[in-house]
Protein backbone atom coordinates (compact mmCIF):
# COMPACT_ATOMS: atom_id res chain seq x y z
CA MET A 1 -6.64 -4.25 9.66
CA THR A 2 -7.06 -4.81 13.37
CA LEU A 3 -10.73 -5.49 12.72
CA VAL A 4 -9.78 -8.29 10.36
CA LEU A 5 -7.65 -9.92 13.05
CA LEU A 6 -10.50 -9.64 15.53
CA ALA A 7 -12.85 -11.16 12.98
CA LEU A 8 -10.39 -14.03 12.54
CA SER A 9 -10.37 -14.90 16.21
CA LEU A 10 -14.16 -14.56 16.49
CA LEU A 11 -14.67 -16.86 13.51
CA GLN A 12 -12.30 -19.42 15.00
CA PHE A 13 -14.09 -19.36 18.36
CA THR A 14 -17.46 -19.68 16.65
CA LEU A 15 -16.36 -22.61 14.52
CA ASN A 16 -14.76 -24.24 17.57
CA ALA A 17 -18.06 -23.98 19.42
CA LEU A 18 -19.76 -25.76 16.51
CA GLY A 19 -17.34 -28.69 16.91
CA LEU A 20 -15.84 -28.59 13.41
CA PRO A 21 -12.61 -30.42 12.53
CA ILE A 22 -9.34 -28.65 13.27
CA TYR A 23 -8.40 -28.00 9.59
CA ILE A 24 -11.67 -26.23 8.91
CA LEU A 25 -11.43 -24.47 12.27
CA LEU A 26 -8.02 -22.99 11.43
CA PHE A 27 -7.95 -22.46 7.69
CA LEU A 28 -11.47 -21.40 6.73
CA PRO A 29 -11.38 -18.23 8.89
CA MET A 30 -7.91 -17.43 7.54
CA VAL A 31 -9.07 -17.63 3.95
CA ILE A 32 -12.12 -15.51 4.71
CA CYS A 33 -10.02 -12.85 6.47
CA VAL A 34 -7.37 -12.76 3.72
CA VAL A 35 -10.09 -12.10 1.14
CA LEU A 36 -11.67 -9.50 3.42
CA ALA A 37 -8.30 -7.76 3.96
CA TYR A 38 -7.68 -7.70 0.20
CA PHE A 39 -10.98 -6.00 -0.55
CA LEU A 40 -10.63 -3.53 2.33
CA ALA A 41 -7.14 -2.53 1.19
CA ARG A 42 -8.25 -2.26 -2.42
CA SER A 43 -11.21 -0.04 -1.54
CA ARG A 44 -9.00 2.19 0.63
CA VAL A 45 -6.45 2.66 -2.15
CA TYR A 46 -9.22 3.38 -4.64
CA THR A 47 -10.82 6.05 -2.45
CA ARG A 48 -7.45 7.70 -1.75
CA PHE A 49 -6.71 7.73 -5.47
CA GLN A 50 -10.07 9.33 -6.23
CA GLU A 51 -9.52 11.99 -3.56
CA ALA A 52 -6.07 12.79 -4.91
CA SER A 53 -7.28 13.07 -8.50
CA LYS A 54 -10.11 15.44 -7.54
CA GLN A 55 -7.80 17.99 -5.91
CA PRO A 56 -7.60 21.24 -7.90
CA GLY A 57 -4.23 22.32 -9.23
CA HIS A 58 -2.76 18.86 -9.13
CA LYS A 59 0.93 19.31 -9.98
CA ALA A 60 3.31 16.83 -11.50
CA THR A 61 5.69 15.28 -8.99
CA ILE A 62 8.58 14.97 -11.43
CA LYS A 63 10.92 17.93 -11.68
CA LEU A 64 11.96 18.69 -15.21
CA PRO A 65 15.47 20.00 -15.85
CA ASN A 66 15.83 23.75 -16.08
CA PRO A 67 16.61 24.71 -19.73
CA LYS A 68 18.72 27.68 -18.59
CA MET A 69 21.03 25.38 -16.68
CA ALA A 70 21.79 23.36 -19.82
CA ASP A 71 23.43 26.40 -21.48
CA LYS A 72 26.07 26.71 -18.75
CA PRO A 73 29.22 24.62 -19.16
CA ALA A 74 29.85 21.92 -16.63
CA LEU A 75 32.42 22.62 -13.94
CA LYS A 76 35.69 20.91 -14.57
CA THR A 77 37.68 19.60 -11.66
CA SER A 78 41.31 18.86 -12.22
CA ALA A 79 43.87 17.57 -9.80
CA LYS A 80 46.90 19.77 -9.14
CA LYS A 81 50.13 18.33 -10.40
CA SER A 82 53.12 18.79 -8.17
């Protein structure tokens, strides 16, 4: 994302050198860099997802309850009466 910020400043300097109005000078590079950042982040997430799905022996991340533990009664805690 640092490259996007560098691209923003370079676009602003370039547009300033062309003598464009201040609104175009400020907001056009921002819009371009926001769109660029969106597509870069989306492509990164997509490639990470593809790498993770191609790994052999992919295990579920959710632990299921142990059926043997369900047969045991729950521990009861009672307060001592004095």
